[in-house]
Amino acid sequence: MIRLTNIIVLSLTWLLGACSLNQIDRSGISPEMDIFYAESFARRSNRELREYARNSDNTFTQKVSKCYLGTVTNHDFLKIQKENQNNPSFWLSRAICAQAQGNHRLANYYYAYSLELSKTSSKVRSIAYNNMGVILLSNHHYPEALEKFYKSQNYHNSDSASFNIAVTYLQFGYYEKSKRVLSHLNSKNPNDPEINFTLATAFLLSGEDQKARVHFETIDSSLLKRSDISNFLSLLLFIEKDYEEAFRTLVSADFTQIPAVRSMSEAPREKIINKKTKELEN
C-alpha cells in the first residue's frame, strides 16, 4: 500500500491557531462549531470586526479589529502610546497587529517587550508565547516553536496552544502524542471541522486509514472543497484505491492563493492525475 509519507512532505502551517488562521476560508463554520472562536480575532467575521472597531469599550479591541480589517494605521497606535507605555496589553495589541500584517520581526519585538513588563498578566504572557510560537512554526523552527507553545500553556491553558502543540508533534512525526491532544480537543467540541480534519490527518499519517475516514465523514460536505481538506481527503481515497473519486475530489477543490497549501497540493495532484491518465490510456 502506498503510504502518505511516501507521497508528500507534510506542511501544516495553515492550520495553526491564533493569527495565521485568517488565511483559510471558514465561511459556513458557526461560532458554536469553532473551538478557537473565543481565543482569536482571526476567527471573527468582517461584520463582527467592524462592530468591535466601532463600538467596543476596549481601545485595544478596537485597534486589533481594525488591524484585521486592514484599516488601522501606525498613527492609531502612536496616539495612545504615551499613556500606555507600560501597559502590556497595548504592546500585545501592537504585536498581534504586526503579525496579522505579516511583519513578524516587528511582532516579535513587541511580544518580547510585553513580556519584559512587570505587570504582564499570565493571560497576556500565554498569548504572546503562543503567537511567537506560531511565527517560529511558520518559519519551520519546530523545536523553538514547541518550546514557546509549552511556555504558553504553563501560563494559561488554551485550546489554541494545545492545537499548536499537536500540529508541531505532527511535524516531528509524534503521531500518538498528537492524536492524544487532538482527541482531547475533539471531546470538548466534536463538531469542530478544524479539529476533525487535523485528527483525520494524524490518523492518515500513522496508517490508520479507517479512523481517518471516520473524522473526514464528520466534516460538512460544504467544507470538503476547501483546498487544505480536499488535498488530504484525495490522498485517503488514493490510498483506498478509489482513484476516480480521488481525482474528482482533487480537481473540484476550490482554488487557493495560499502558498503553503498550493505547494502541498502539487505532489498528490501529480500522483493522482498520473494514475487517472494511465487508466484512460488502458
Protein backbone atom coordinates (compact mmCIF):
# COMPACT_ATOMS: atom_id res chain seq x y z
CA MET A 1 0.00 0.00 0.00
CA ILE A 2 1.28 3.47 -0.83
CA ARG A 3 1.72 5.47 2.34
CA LEU A 4 1.03 9.15 2.59
CA THR A 5 4.54 9.90 3.80
CA ASN A 6 5.90 8.48 0.53
CA ILE A 7 3.76 10.92 -1.46
CA ILE A 8 4.26 14.23 0.29
CA VAL A 9 6.22 16.05 2.94
CA LEU A 10 3.61 17.34 5.35
CA SER A 11 3.14 21.08 5.66
CA LEU A 12 0.53 22.13 8.24
CA THR A 13 1.29 25.75 8.97
CA TRP A 14 -2.05 26.94 7.56
CA LEU A 15 -3.86 25.01 10.31
CA LEU A 16 -2.39 26.96 13.17
CA GLY A 17 -4.34 28.76 15.83
CA ALA A 18 -4.05 32.46 16.64
CA CYS A 19 -3.26 34.95 13.91
CA SER A 20 -2.48 32.70 10.98
CA LEU A 21 -5.94 31.17 10.84
CA ASN A 22 -7.38 34.13 8.96
CA GLN A 23 -5.77 32.69 5.81
CA ILE A 24 -8.32 29.89 5.48
CA ASP A 25 -11.91 30.48 4.45
CA ARG A 26 -14.14 29.45 7.34
CA SER A 27 -17.44 30.63 5.90
CA GLY A 28 -20.04 28.07 6.87
CA ILE A 29 -18.37 27.35 10.22
CA SER A 30 -20.55 28.70 13.01
CA PRO A 31 -19.07 30.01 16.29
CA GLU A 32 -20.61 27.00 18.07
CA MET A 33 -18.58 24.66 15.84
CA ASP A 34 -15.36 26.65 16.28
CA ILE A 35 -13.38 25.69 19.39
CA PHE A 36 -10.99 28.63 18.87
CA TYR A 37 -13.64 31.28 18.37
CA ALA A 38 -13.28 32.82 21.82
CA GLU A 39 -9.49 32.91 21.65
CA SER A 40 -8.70 34.60 18.36
CA PHE A 41 -9.81 37.71 16.49
CA ALA A 42 -8.84 35.87 13.31
CA ARG A 43 -11.95 33.75 13.80
CA ARG A 44 -14.33 36.73 13.65
CA SER A 45 -16.30 37.71 10.58
CA ASN A 46 -15.74 41.11 9.00
CA ARG A 47 -19.18 42.14 10.24
CA GLU A 48 -18.18 41.35 13.83
CA LEU A 49 -14.84 43.07 13.45
CA ARG A 50 -16.50 46.23 12.15
CA GLU A 51 -18.83 46.16 15.15
CA TYR A 52 -15.89 45.83 17.56
CA ALA A 53 -13.98 48.59 15.78
CA ARG A 54 -16.93 50.97 16.14
CA ASN A 55 -18.46 50.11 19.48
CA SER A 56 -16.08 48.18 21.73
CA ASP A 57 -15.35 49.95 25.02
CA ASN A 58 -11.86 48.42 24.94
CA THR A 59 -9.43 50.59 22.97
CA PHE A 60 -7.13 47.68 22.20
CA THR A 61 -10.00 45.53 20.94
CA GLN A 62 -10.91 48.37 18.59
CA LYS A 63 -7.34 48.61 17.30
CA VAL A 64 -6.88 44.86 16.75
CA SER A 65 -10.25 44.67 15.00
CA LYS A 66 -9.15 47.44 12.64
CA CYS A 67 -5.90 45.53 12.04
CA TYR A 68 -7.78 42.50 10.76
CA LEU A 69 -9.99 44.75 8.67
CA GLY A 70 -6.88 46.40 7.21
CA THR A 71 -7.98 49.88 8.29
CA VAL A 72 -5.55 50.58 11.14
CA THR A 73 -2.60 52.97 10.75
CA ASN A 74 0.57 53.37 12.77
CA HIS A 75 -0.77 56.75 13.87
CA ASP A 76 -3.72 54.98 15.53
CA PHE A 77 -1.29 53.37 17.96
CA LEU A 78 1.05 56.34 18.32
CA LYS A 79 -1.86 58.49 19.54
CA ILE A 80 -2.26 56.30 22.64
CA GLN A 81 1.30 55.04 23.10
CA LYS A 82 2.50 57.61 25.63
CA GLU A 83 -0.30 56.91 28.09
CA ASN A 84 0.10 53.14 27.61
CA GLN A 85 3.90 52.93 27.58
CA ASN A 86 3.92 50.44 30.46
CA ASN A 87 0.70 48.65 29.61
CA PRO A 88 1.38 45.05 28.46
CA SER A 89 -1.99 44.86 26.67
CA PHE A 90 -1.05 47.82 24.50
CA TRP A 91 2.15 46.13 23.32
CA LEU A 92 0.36 42.84 22.87
CA SER A 93 -2.20 44.51 20.61
CA ARG A 94 0.61 46.14 18.61
CA ALA A 95 2.29 42.75 18.26
CA ILE A 96 -0.90 40.99 17.14
CA CYS A 97 -1.48 43.75 14.60
CA ALA A 98 2.06 43.48 13.22
CA GLN A 99 1.70 39.71 12.98
CA ALA A 100 -1.66 40.00 11.21
CA GLN A 101 0.04 42.32 8.70
CA GLY A 102 2.85 39.80 8.13
CA ASN A 103 5.57 41.83 9.86
CA HIS A 104 6.98 39.03 12.02
CA ARG A 105 10.14 40.84 13.07
CA LEU A 106 8.20 43.77 14.49
CA ALA A 107 5.64 41.43 16.05
CA ASN A 108 8.37 39.51 17.88
CA TYR A 109 9.83 42.77 19.15
CA TYR A 110 6.51 43.88 20.60
CA TYR A 111 5.75 40.45 22.07
CA ALA A 112 9.16 40.43 23.77
CA TYR A 113 8.60 43.94 25.10
CA SER A 114 5.22 42.98 26.57
CA LEU A 115 6.86 40.02 28.33
CA GLU A 116 9.51 42.25 29.92
CA LEU A 117 7.00 44.49 31.68
CA SER A 118 6.48 43.80 35.37
CA LYS A 119 2.67 43.99 35.28
CA THR A 120 2.21 41.47 32.47
CA SER A 121 -0.56 39.02 33.38
CA SER A 122 -0.40 35.27 32.88
CA LYS A 123 -3.05 35.55 30.15
CA VAL A 124 -1.05 38.13 28.19
CA ARG A 125 2.14 36.06 28.58
CA SER A 126 0.32 32.98 27.32
CA ILE A 127 -0.98 34.77 24.22
CA ALA A 128 2.44 36.30 23.50
CA TYR A 129 4.29 32.99 23.75
CA ASN A 130 1.66 31.18 21.69
CA ASN A 131 1.81 33.72 18.87
CA MET A 132 5.61 33.80 18.94
CA GLY A 133 5.42 30.04 18.52
CA VAL A 134 3.13 30.46 15.52
CA ILE A 135 5.74 32.69 13.87
CA LEU A 136 8.51 30.19 14.58
CA LEU A 137 6.44 27.29 13.27
CA SER A 138 5.54 29.16 10.09
CA ASN A 139 9.29 29.55 9.51
CA HIS A 140 9.92 25.83 10.19
CA HIS A 141 11.72 26.35 13.50
CA TYR A 142 9.92 23.44 15.09
CA PRO A 143 11.83 22.83 18.37
CA GLU A 144 11.80 26.54 19.22
CA ALA A 145 8.10 26.77 18.35
CA LEU A 146 7.26 23.83 20.60
CA GLU A 147 9.15 25.48 23.47
CA LYS A 148 7.04 28.64 23.07
CA PHE A 149 3.80 26.65 23.00
CA TYR A 150 4.80 24.83 26.19
CA LYS A 151 5.51 28.18 27.85
CA SER A 152 2.15 29.45 26.71
CA GLN A 153 0.42 26.50 28.35
CA ASN A 154 2.40 26.98 31.56
CA TYR A 155 0.95 30.48 31.96
CA HIS A 156 -2.61 29.81 30.79
CA ASN A 157 -4.18 26.66 29.41
CA SER A 158 -5.68 27.45 26.00
CA ASP A 159 -7.13 25.37 23.19
CA SER A 160 -5.10 27.31 20.62
CA ALA A 161 -1.77 26.44 22.25
CA SER A 162 -2.86 22.81 22.66
CA PHE A 163 -3.73 22.64 19.00
CA ASN A 164 -0.44 24.20 18.00
CA ILE A 165 1.42 21.66 20.14
CA ALA A 166 -0.47 18.86 18.36
CA VAL A 167 0.39 20.28 14.94
CA THR A 168 4.06 20.58 15.92
CA TYR A 169 4.03 16.96 17.09
CA LEU A 170 2.88 16.02 13.58
CA GLN A 171 5.87 17.83 12.14
CA PHE A 172 8.14 15.69 14.34
CA GLY A 173 6.28 12.50 13.49
CA TYR A 174 4.98 12.14 17.05
CA TYR A 175 1.63 10.86 15.85
CA GLU A 176 0.48 9.23 19.07
CA LYS A 177 1.20 12.36 21.11
CA SER A 178 -0.58 14.49 18.54
CA LYS A 179 -3.63 12.22 18.49
CA ARG A 180 -3.93 12.35 22.29
CA VAL A 181 -4.00 16.15 22.30
CA LEU A 182 -6.36 16.35 19.33
CA SER A 183 -8.68 13.70 20.78
CA HIS A 184 -8.97 15.75 23.96
CA LEU A 185 -9.89 18.84 21.92
CA ASN A 186 -12.30 16.75 19.88
CA SER A 187 -14.05 15.58 23.07
CA LYS A 188 -14.60 19.23 24.00
CA ASN A 189 -16.12 20.09 20.63
CA PRO A 190 -16.84 17.05 18.41
CA ASN A 191 -18.21 19.24 15.59
CA ASP A 192 -15.20 21.47 15.01
CA PRO A 193 -14.09 20.79 11.41
CA GLU A 194 -10.52 22.01 12.01
CA ILE A 195 -10.03 19.51 14.82
CA ASN A 196 -11.68 16.67 12.89
CA PHE A 197 -9.60 17.44 9.80
CA THR A 198 -6.33 17.57 11.73
CA LEU A 199 -7.21 14.40 13.66
CA ALA A 200 -8.04 12.70 10.35
CA THR A 201 -4.66 13.81 9.04
CA ALA A 202 -2.89 12.41 12.13
CA PHE A 203 -4.62 9.04 11.68
CA LEU A 204 -3.81 9.07 7.97
CA LEU A 205 -0.14 9.72 8.66
CA SER A 206 0.01 6.93 11.23
CA GLY A 207 -1.52 4.42 8.82
CA GLU A 208 -4.97 4.24 10.41
CA ASP A 209 -6.96 4.92 7.28
CA GLN A 210 -10.37 3.85 8.57
CA LYS A 211 -10.12 6.08 11.63
CA ALA A 212 -9.10 8.92 9.33
CA ARG A 213 -12.22 8.31 7.26
CA VAL A 214 -14.44 8.48 10.37
CA HIS A 215 -13.22 12.02 11.08
CA PHE A 216 -13.40 13.12 7.45
CA GLU A 217 -17.03 11.97 7.42
CA THR A 218 -17.90 14.30 10.32
CA ILE A 219 -16.93 17.33 8.20
CA ASP A 220 -19.83 19.02 6.45
CA SER A 221 -19.86 18.37 2.71
CA SER A 222 -19.84 22.12 2.04
CA LEU A 223 -16.32 22.30 3.51
CA LEU A 224 -14.85 19.36 1.61
CA LYS A 225 -13.94 21.58 -1.35
CA ARG A 226 -11.67 23.65 0.85
CA SER A 227 -8.19 23.23 -0.59
CA ASP A 228 -6.48 22.04 2.58
CA ILE A 229 -9.18 19.48 3.38
CA SER A 230 -9.67 18.23 -0.19
CA ASN A 231 -5.95 17.57 -0.65
CA PHE A 232 -5.78 15.18 2.28
CA LEU A 233 -9.15 13.61 1.52
CA SER A 234 -7.98 12.88 -2.02
CA LEU A 235 -4.90 11.17 -0.56
CA LEU A 236 -7.07 8.97 1.64
CA LEU A 237 -9.13 8.00 -1.39
CA PHE A 238 -5.93 7.33 -3.34
CA ILE A 239 -4.65 5.03 -0.58
CA GLU A 240 -8.01 3.25 -0.62
CA LYS A 241 -7.53 2.82 -4.40
CA ASP A 242 -10.64 4.81 -5.18
CA TYR A 243 -8.77 6.66 -7.91
CA GLU A 244 -11.86 8.01 -9.64
CA GLU A 245 -13.16 9.73 -6.50
CA ALA A 246 -9.64 10.88 -5.54
CA PHE A 247 -9.32 12.56 -8.92
CA ARG A 248 -12.78 14.12 -8.70
CA THR A 249 -12.11 15.43 -5.19
CA LEU A 250 -8.82 16.98 -6.18
CA VAL A 251 -9.89 18.71 -9.38
CA SER A 252 -13.13 20.06 -7.88
CA ALA A 253 -11.34 21.74 -4.96
CA ASP A 254 -11.59 25.48 -4.56
CA PHE A 255 -8.58 27.31 -5.95
CA THR A 256 -6.27 28.73 -3.31
CA GLN A 257 -3.70 31.52 -3.36
CA ILE A 258 -2.11 30.32 -0.10
CA PRO A 259 1.47 29.25 -0.99
CA ALA A 260 1.72 26.51 1.68
CA VAL A 261 -1.47 24.83 0.50
CA ARG A 262 -0.69 25.22 -3.20
CA SER A 263 2.79 23.77 -2.69
CA MET A 264 1.39 20.92 -0.61
CA SER A 265 -1.12 20.03 -3.34
CA GLU A 266 1.41 19.57 -6.13
CA ALA A 267 2.68 16.08 -5.18
CA PRO A 268 -0.70 14.38 -4.66
CA ARG A 269 -2.14 16.14 -7.70
CA GLU A 270 0.68 14.75 -9.87
CA LYS A 271 0.27 11.22 -8.43
CA ILE A 272 -3.50 11.14 -8.83
CA ILE A 273 -3.58 12.73 -12.27
CA ASN A 274 -0.87 10.31 -13.49
CA LYS A 275 -2.90 7.40 -12.18
CA LYS A 276 -6.06 8.74 -13.85
CA THR A 277 -4.17 9.24 -17.14
CA LYS A 278 -2.91 5.67 -17.11
CA GLU A 279 -6.44 4.40 -16.52
CA LEU A 280 -7.70 6.35 -19.52
CA GLU A 281 -4.90 5.01 -21.69
CA ASN A 282 -5.70 1.40 -20.84
